[in-house]
Protein backbone atom coordinates (compact mmCIF):
# COMPACT_ATOMS: atom_id res chain seq x y z
CA MET A 1 -3.49 -21.80 21.97
CA CYS A 2 -5.04 -18.37 22.22
CA SER A 3 -2.77 -15.41 22.95
CA ARG A 4 -4.25 -12.87 25.31
CA LEU A 5 -6.13 -9.88 24.01
CA ILE A 6 -4.45 -6.48 23.65
CA VAL A 7 -7.51 -4.26 23.94
CA LEU A 8 -10.63 -5.83 22.53
CA ALA A 9 -11.72 -7.88 25.54
CA THR A 10 -14.87 -9.15 23.88
CA ALA A 11 -13.06 -10.94 21.06
CA VAL A 12 -13.31 -14.69 20.87
CA CYS A 13 -10.51 -17.17 20.33
CA VAL A 14 -10.01 -18.27 16.73
CA SER A 15 -7.72 -21.22 16.25
CA PRO A 16 -4.94 -20.98 13.66
CA LEU A 17 -6.61 -23.75 11.65
CA THR A 18 -9.87 -21.80 11.47
CA ALA A 19 -8.07 -18.56 10.70
CA GLN A 20 -6.14 -20.03 7.79
CA GLN A 21 -9.28 -21.07 5.98
CA GLY A 22 -9.21 -17.69 4.25
CA PRO A 23 -12.02 -15.56 2.83
CA ALA A 24 -15.59 -16.18 3.91
CA PRO A 25 -18.07 -18.12 1.76
CA HIS A 26 -19.85 -14.89 0.77
CA ARG A 27 -16.77 -13.60 -0.98
CA THR A 28 -17.85 -12.08 -4.29
CA GLY A 29 -14.50 -11.98 -6.06
CA THR A 30 -15.90 -9.25 -8.33
CA GLN A 31 -13.36 -6.87 -9.78
CA ALA A 32 -14.15 -3.28 -10.72
CA PRO A 33 -13.15 -2.34 -14.31
CA LEU A 34 -10.36 -0.06 -13.10
CA PHE A 35 -8.58 -2.91 -11.35
CA ALA A 36 -9.44 -5.71 -13.77
CA ALA A 37 -6.35 -5.06 -15.92
CA HIS A 38 -2.79 -3.80 -15.54
CA GLU A 39 -2.38 -1.71 -18.68
CA ARG A 40 -1.88 1.98 -18.03
CA VAL A 41 -4.92 4.20 -18.22
CA VAL A 42 -4.31 7.49 -20.01
CA LEU A 43 -6.08 10.47 -18.49
CA THR A 44 -6.22 14.23 -18.32
CA ILE A 45 -7.19 15.88 -15.05
CA ARG A 46 -8.59 19.33 -15.70
CA ALA A 47 -9.13 21.34 -12.51
CA PRO A 48 -7.97 24.44 -10.56
CA LEU A 49 -4.90 22.54 -9.40
CA ALA A 50 -3.14 25.53 -7.86
CA THR A 51 -6.13 25.96 -5.55
CA ILE A 52 -6.29 22.25 -4.74
CA LEU A 53 -2.56 21.88 -4.04
CA GLU A 54 -2.54 24.93 -1.79
CA ASP A 55 -4.79 23.19 0.75
CA ARG A 56 -2.53 20.80 2.70
CA SER A 57 -4.80 20.28 5.71
CA GLN A 58 -6.04 16.87 6.85
CA ASP A 59 -9.61 18.02 6.21
CA SER A 60 -8.92 19.67 2.86
CA GLU A 61 -11.98 20.68 0.87
CA GLU A 62 -13.06 18.96 -2.32
CA VAL A 63 -12.87 21.03 -5.49
CA PRO A 64 -14.74 20.14 -8.70
CA GLY A 65 -12.82 19.09 -11.79
CA THR A 66 -12.99 16.78 -14.78
CA VAL A 67 -11.19 13.56 -15.65
CA LEU A 68 -10.85 12.96 -19.40
CA ILE A 69 -10.43 9.26 -20.24
CA HIS A 70 -8.38 8.78 -23.39
CA ARG A 71 -8.76 5.67 -25.56
CA PRO A 72 -7.02 4.86 -28.85
CA GLY A 73 -9.10 5.89 -31.83
CA ALA A 74 -11.92 7.29 -29.71
CA GLN A 75 -12.97 10.65 -28.38
CA ALA A 76 -11.96 11.39 -24.80
CA VAL A 77 -14.71 10.65 -22.28
CA PRO A 78 -15.21 13.39 -19.64
CA VAL A 79 -16.16 12.35 -16.12
CA PRO A 80 -16.88 14.97 -13.42
CA VAL A 81 -14.98 14.46 -10.19
CA GLN A 82 -14.31 16.11 -6.84
CA ILE A 83 -10.61 16.43 -5.99
CA ARG A 84 -8.74 17.08 -2.75
CA THR A 85 -5.24 16.58 -1.36
CA ARG A 86 -4.61 13.73 1.08
CA GLY A 87 -1.85 11.94 2.98
CA ARG A 88 0.41 12.63 5.91
CA THR A 89 4.13 12.69 5.15
CA ARG A 90 3.74 13.54 1.48
CA LEU A 91 1.18 16.22 2.32
CA GLN A 92 3.93 18.34 3.89
CA ARG A 93 5.09 21.25 1.73
CA GLY A 94 8.75 20.53 2.44
CA ILE A 95 8.36 16.97 1.16
CA CYS A 96 6.19 17.07 -1.95
CA GLN A 97 5.54 19.82 -4.48
CA PHE A 98 2.67 17.70 -5.78
CA PRO A 99 1.03 15.76 -2.92
CA PRO A 100 -1.18 12.67 -3.31
CA LEU A 101 -4.79 13.29 -4.29
CA ARG A 102 -8.18 11.78 -3.62
CA LEU A 103 -10.73 11.65 -6.43
CA ASP A 104 -14.41 11.34 -5.56
CA PHE A 105 -16.64 10.07 -8.38
CA ALA A 106 -20.42 10.23 -8.57
CA GLU A 107 -21.76 6.77 -9.32
CA ALA A 108 -24.04 7.86 -12.17
CA ALA A 109 -21.38 10.00 -13.84
CA ALA A 110 -18.80 7.18 -13.84
CA ALA A 111 -21.18 4.51 -15.20
CA GLY A 112 -19.92 2.87 -18.37
CA SER A 113 -16.36 4.15 -17.92
CA VAL A 114 -13.24 2.56 -16.47
CA PHE A 115 -14.22 4.27 -13.19
CA GLU A 116 -17.58 2.52 -13.00
CA GLY A 117 -18.29 1.34 -9.47
CA GLN A 118 -15.75 3.70 -7.93
CA ASP A 119 -16.46 6.30 -5.29
CA LYS A 120 -13.42 7.65 -3.46
CA LEU A 121 -10.06 6.73 -4.97
CA LYS A 122 -6.55 7.42 -3.71
CA LEU A 123 -4.11 8.64 -6.34
CA VAL A 124 -0.37 8.36 -5.70
CA THR A 125 1.34 11.18 -7.58
CA HIS A 126 4.89 12.16 -8.54
CA CYS A 127 5.71 14.26 -5.43
CA GLN A 128 8.56 16.23 -7.03
CA ASP A 129 9.26 17.42 -10.58
CA ARG A 130 12.39 15.30 -10.82
CA SER A 131 13.01 12.25 -12.98
CA GLU A 132 13.68 10.13 -9.91
CA SER A 133 10.10 10.75 -8.72
CA VAL A 134 8.84 8.67 -11.65
CA GLN A 135 11.04 5.81 -10.43
CA HIS A 136 9.66 6.16 -6.90
CA VAL A 137 6.08 5.99 -8.20
CA LEU A 138 6.85 2.86 -10.22
CA LEU A 139 8.69 1.22 -7.33
CA GLU A 140 5.85 1.79 -4.87
CA TYR A 141 3.33 0.58 -7.45
CA LEU A 142 5.39 -2.58 -7.91
CA VAL A 143 5.42 -3.20 -4.15
CA TYR A 144 1.60 -3.41 -4.25
CA ARG A 145 1.81 -5.68 -7.31
CA THR A 146 4.37 -7.87 -5.54
CA TYR A 147 2.13 -8.34 -2.52
CA GLU A 148 -0.70 -9.35 -4.87
CA LEU A 149 1.44 -12.32 -5.90
CA PHE A 150 1.07 -13.69 -2.38
CA THR A 151 -2.57 -13.07 -1.50
CA ASP A 152 -5.92 -11.68 -2.62
CA LEU A 153 -6.06 -9.92 0.75
CA SER A 154 -4.25 -6.99 -0.81
CA PHE A 155 -4.99 -3.63 -2.37
CA ARG A 156 -5.31 -3.63 -6.14
CA VAL A 157 -3.55 -0.84 -8.04
CA ARG A 158 -3.67 0.59 -11.57
CA LEU A 159 -0.92 2.57 -13.23
CA ALA A 160 -1.84 5.78 -15.05
CA THR A 161 -0.30 8.37 -17.34
CA ILE A 162 -1.94 11.64 -16.34
CA THR A 163 -1.78 15.05 -17.95
CA TYR A 164 -2.53 17.74 -15.35
CA GLN A 165 -4.18 20.83 -16.82
CA ASP A 166 -4.50 23.65 -14.31
CA THR A 167 -7.59 25.75 -15.05
CA ALA A 168 -6.58 28.25 -12.34
CA THR A 169 -3.35 29.37 -14.04
CA ASP A 170 -1.76 29.79 -17.45
CA ASP A 171 0.81 27.08 -16.71
CA GLU A 172 1.52 24.55 -19.42
CA PRO A 173 0.01 21.10 -18.81
CA VAL A 174 2.42 18.48 -17.45
CA THR A 175 2.24 14.73 -17.96
CA ARG A 176 3.37 12.40 -15.18
CA THR A 177 3.11 8.78 -14.00
CA ALA A 178 0.74 7.98 -11.12
CA PHE A 179 -1.31 5.07 -9.82
CA PHE A 180 -4.71 4.48 -8.25
CA ILE A 181 -5.27 2.39 -5.11
CA GLU A 182 -8.39 0.33 -4.50
CA ASP A 183 -10.82 1.72 -1.90
CA ASP A 184 -10.66 0.12 1.58
CA ASP A 185 -14.31 -0.92 1.69
CA ARG A 186 -14.24 -2.32 -1.84
CA MET A 187 -11.08 -4.31 -1.13
CA ALA A 188 -12.74 -5.80 1.94
CA ALA A 189 -15.99 -6.56 0.09
CA ARG A 190 -14.12 -8.16 -2.82
CA ASN A 191 -12.69 -10.62 -0.31
CA GLY A 192 -16.02 -11.19 1.43
CA TRP A 193 -15.24 -9.25 4.61
CA ASP A 194 -15.93 -5.91 6.27
CA ARG A 195 -13.52 -3.05 6.84
CA LEU A 196 -12.91 -2.90 10.59
CA GLU A 197 -12.32 0.05 12.87
CA LEU A 198 -10.74 -1.29 16.06
CA PRO A 199 -8.66 0.32 18.82
CA ALA A 200 -5.99 -2.40 18.50
CA LEU A 201 -5.45 -5.75 16.85
CA PRO A 202 -7.43 -8.39 18.79
CA LEU A 203 -4.80 -11.13 18.97
CA PRO A 204 -7.15 -14.02 19.82
CA ALA A 205 -9.19 -13.22 16.69
CA VAL A 206 -6.31 -12.55 14.32
CA ASP A 207 -5.42 -14.79 11.40
CA THR A 208 -1.86 -15.49 12.55
CA ALA A 209 -0.67 -16.91 9.25
CA ASN A 210 -1.81 -13.74 7.48
CA LEU A 211 -0.03 -11.60 10.07
CA ALA A 212 3.19 -13.58 9.58
CA LEU A 213 2.98 -12.86 5.84
CA VAL A 214 2.42 -9.12 6.42
CA GLU A 215 5.34 -8.84 8.84
CA THR A 216 7.71 -10.86 6.66
CA PHE A 217 6.74 -8.87 3.57
CA GLN A 218 7.51 -5.63 5.39
CA TYR A 219 10.95 -7.04 6.22
CA PHE A 220 11.38 -8.10 2.58
CA ILE A 221 10.79 -4.54 1.29
CA GLY A 222 12.71 -2.93 4.17
CA ASN A 223 9.72 -1.16 5.69
CA THR A 224 9.44 -0.25 9.38
CA ASP A 225 6.83 2.50 8.88
CA PHE A 226 3.91 0.31 9.94
CA SER A 227 2.21 -1.27 12.92
CA ALA A 228 -0.18 -4.18 12.59
CA LEU A 229 -0.78 -4.37 16.34
CA VAL A 230 -1.51 -0.94 17.82
CA PRO A 231 -2.54 2.50 16.53
CA ASP A 232 -0.05 5.17 15.57
CA SER A 233 0.91 7.77 18.17
CA GLY A 234 -1.98 10.13 18.79
CA GLU A 235 -4.46 7.91 16.95
CA THR A 236 -7.35 5.94 18.44
CA GLU A 237 -7.83 3.44 15.61
CA CYS A 238 -5.57 0.55 14.73
CA CYS A 239 -3.31 0.36 12.85
CA HIS A 240 -0.50 2.32 11.15
CA ASN A 241 -0.38 1.75 7.39
CA VAL A 242 -2.32 -1.48 7.83
CA GLN A 243 -6.05 -1.86 7.19
CA LEU A 244 -7.91 -4.46 9.25
CA ILE A 245 -10.70 -6.46 7.59
CA GLY A 246 -12.79 -9.43 8.65
CA LYS A 247 -15.32 -9.67 11.47
CA PRO A 248 -15.04 -7.97 14.88
CA ARG A 249 -15.19 -11.34 16.65
CA GLY A 250 -12.82 -12.93 14.16
CA PRO A 251 -11.17 -13.76 11.99
CA VAL A 252 -9.30 -10.50 11.52
CA PHE A 253 -6.85 -9.98 8.64
CA ALA A 254 -4.26 -7.24 8.19
CA VAL A 255 -3.77 -5.66 4.76
CA PRO A 256 -0.70 -3.41 4.35
CA TYR A 257 -0.45 -0.21 2.31
CA ASP A 258 1.61 3.00 1.93
CA PHE A 259 5.15 1.84 1.16
CA ASP A 260 6.94 5.08 0.27
CA LEU A 261 9.21 4.93 3.34
CA SER A 262 10.43 1.43 2.51
CA GLY A 263 13.97 0.53 1.55
CA VAL A 264 12.92 -0.67 -1.88
CA VAL A 265 11.41 2.74 -2.77
CA ASN A 266 14.00 4.75 -0.80
CA PRO A 267 13.00 8.31 -1.81
CA ARG A 268 15.46 11.13 -1.22
CA TYR A 269 13.40 12.71 1.56
CA ALA A 270 12.87 9.51 3.54
CA ASN A 271 16.18 9.04 5.36
CA ARG A 272 16.20 12.69 6.48
CA LEU A 273 12.57 12.60 7.57
CA TYR A 274 12.83 9.21 9.25
CA ARG A 275 16.30 9.60 10.78
CA ARG A 276 15.16 9.62 14.41
CA ASN A 277 13.09 6.49 14.01
CA LEU A 278 15.92 4.72 12.18
CA ALA A 279 18.25 5.46 15.09
CA ARG A 280 15.68 4.14 17.55
CA LEU A 281 15.57 0.91 15.56
CA GLY A 282 19.36 0.65 15.48
CA ILE A 283 19.73 1.12 11.73
CA ARG A 284 21.26 3.87 9.62
CA SER A 285 19.12 3.91 6.48
CA LEU A 286 15.97 2.50 4.97
CA ARG A 287 18.13 -0.08 3.19
CA ASP A 288 19.01 -1.67 6.54
CA ARG A 289 16.34 -4.25 7.28
CA VAL A 290 15.00 -4.92 10.76
CA TYR A 291 12.30 -7.48 11.52
CA ARG A 292 9.27 -6.07 13.37
CA GLY A 293 7.11 -9.17 13.64
CA TRP A 294 5.14 -10.40 16.64
CA CYS A 295 6.50 -13.49 18.40
CA GLY A 296 3.02 -15.04 18.32
CA SER A 297 3.23 -15.34 14.53
CA ARG A 298 6.72 -16.86 14.57
CA PRO A 299 5.53 -20.49 14.10
CA TYR A 300 4.12 -19.51 10.70
CA VAL A 301 7.23 -17.72 9.45
CA PRO A 302 9.07 -20.78 8.03
CA ALA A 303 6.10 -21.57 5.77
CA VAL A 304 5.94 -17.91 4.71
CA LEU A 305 9.64 -17.93 3.86
CA GLU A 306 9.08 -20.97 1.68
CA ARG A 307 6.43 -19.00 -0.21
CA PHE A 308 8.96 -16.25 -0.79
CA ARG A 309 11.36 -18.79 -2.28
CA GLU A 310 8.59 -20.05 -4.57
CA LYS A 311 7.75 -16.49 -5.69
CA ARG A 312 11.32 -15.33 -6.25
CA ALA A 313 11.34 -15.81 -10.02
CA ALA A 314 7.85 -14.28 -10.41
CA ILE A 315 8.90 -11.21 -8.43
CA ALA A 316 11.98 -10.73 -10.61
CA ARG A 317 9.87 -11.09 -13.77
CA LEU A 318 7.41 -8.50 -12.49
CA TYR A 319 10.15 -5.91 -12.00
CA ARG A 320 12.05 -6.74 -15.17
CA SER A 321 8.89 -6.39 -17.25
CA GLN A 322 7.95 -2.95 -15.91
CA THR A 323 8.13 -0.36 -18.68
CA GLY A 324 9.75 2.90 -17.56
CA LEU A 325 11.83 1.46 -14.74
CA ASP A 326 15.44 2.55 -15.27
CA GLN A 327 17.95 -0.26 -15.67
CA ASP A 328 20.15 0.89 -12.79
CA VAL A 329 17.11 1.18 -10.51
CA LEU A 330 15.98 -2.29 -11.57
CA GLU A 331 19.36 -3.87 -10.83
CA GLU A 332 19.63 -2.10 -7.46
CA THR A 333 16.17 -3.38 -6.55
CA ILE A 334 16.93 -6.96 -7.53
CA ALA A 335 20.18 -6.78 -5.55
CA PHE A 336 18.25 -5.48 -2.53
CA PHE A 337 15.88 -8.44 -2.76
CA ASP A 338 18.84 -10.82 -3.18
CA GLU A 339 20.06 -9.66 0.24
CA PHE A 340 16.75 -10.84 1.73
CA TYR A 341 17.09 -14.23 0.06
CA ALA A 342 20.65 -14.57 1.33
CA VAL A 343 19.25 -14.21 4.86
CA ILE A 344 16.40 -16.69 4.51
CA ASP A 345 18.54 -19.26 2.68
CA ASP A 346 20.89 -19.52 5.67
CA ALA A 347 19.43 -21.08 8.83
CA GLY A 348 21.72 -19.13 11.14
CA SER A 349 20.91 -15.81 9.51
CA THR A 350 17.18 -16.60 9.56
CA GLN A 351 17.32 -17.26 13.29
CA ARG A 352 19.49 -14.24 14.01
CA GLU A 353 17.81 -11.66 11.77
CA ILE A 354 14.15 -12.78 11.74
CA LEU A 355 13.02 -15.43 14.22
CA GLY A 356 15.22 -14.12 17.00
CA LYS A 357 14.13 -10.52 16.47
CA CYS A 358 10.39 -10.97 17.04
CA ARG A 359 8.59 -8.68 19.49
CA GLN A 360 6.65 -9.69 22.57
CA VAL A 361 3.27 -7.96 22.79
CA GLY A 362 0.77 -7.77 25.62
């Protein structure tokens, strides 16, 4: 039953039954304080932000700053931090005025705070100083939360209200919505696995049921900006917007991230930026879904679709309960998801749009 290997010739065959057994026995299940709750954290970031935001290189330098943790009825707790810009698309000046950040905490300094146990943290920021950017932040945050409904093999996130105080200028502080993303290594360790660096996805070692879930979820949110099988162009490590975890000889699990170019988020810059790729895929906008799954995972898709039916009400509740999400954005999002359910609730559409669109690999 083993499919042949893409690149990693030393991988062993793992049967689907073995692969579906899930996390290893040494899984800790421990949750860092930051990701143990969903209430917003309220913070102030005090740093020379103009200097930090000016550096848009892939190897941008860390700059010292302070995170003030605000709690009701208590004095703000200062935590020293190193800050740098990060990302790819959103790092471009023509895309984001305020690119995503990475915060690097010293273990001793963060002890006893909500950041205890954290080291390097990704922070998804507001990109542009427009009201719609808040909606984009919330929508991408909710995509992570939605995937959590399906599996623990997912990145935890925590919403934040952050006041940015630039110590390098006289600019007035601004307060915006953002969210933190769990560190790769800590996500893997929480599930009892290792973060893997592989040249391509070793198909004989892959957990095929997990891969079917990842690929179907990407179709659900209208995302084609990913690859769970091979590295991105010009890269040597697999994969694109998917983190591999597990063991090198199997099982290997794919964990998706970075959903800003999905149809459900649909930021203003995305269709312009992604136009060439959309044309290559035969679609006109991010709102046009196209299935990008591997044919080897097709036998597991019907069971995955049943899970989506079971989670439909919970997904709607998650979005409807999100404070700050505009009503028109909410209704557009629910309607977008309804289009997915219309496909999977019709056998002909399921065959035509999903099962019949799988990709042969290797």
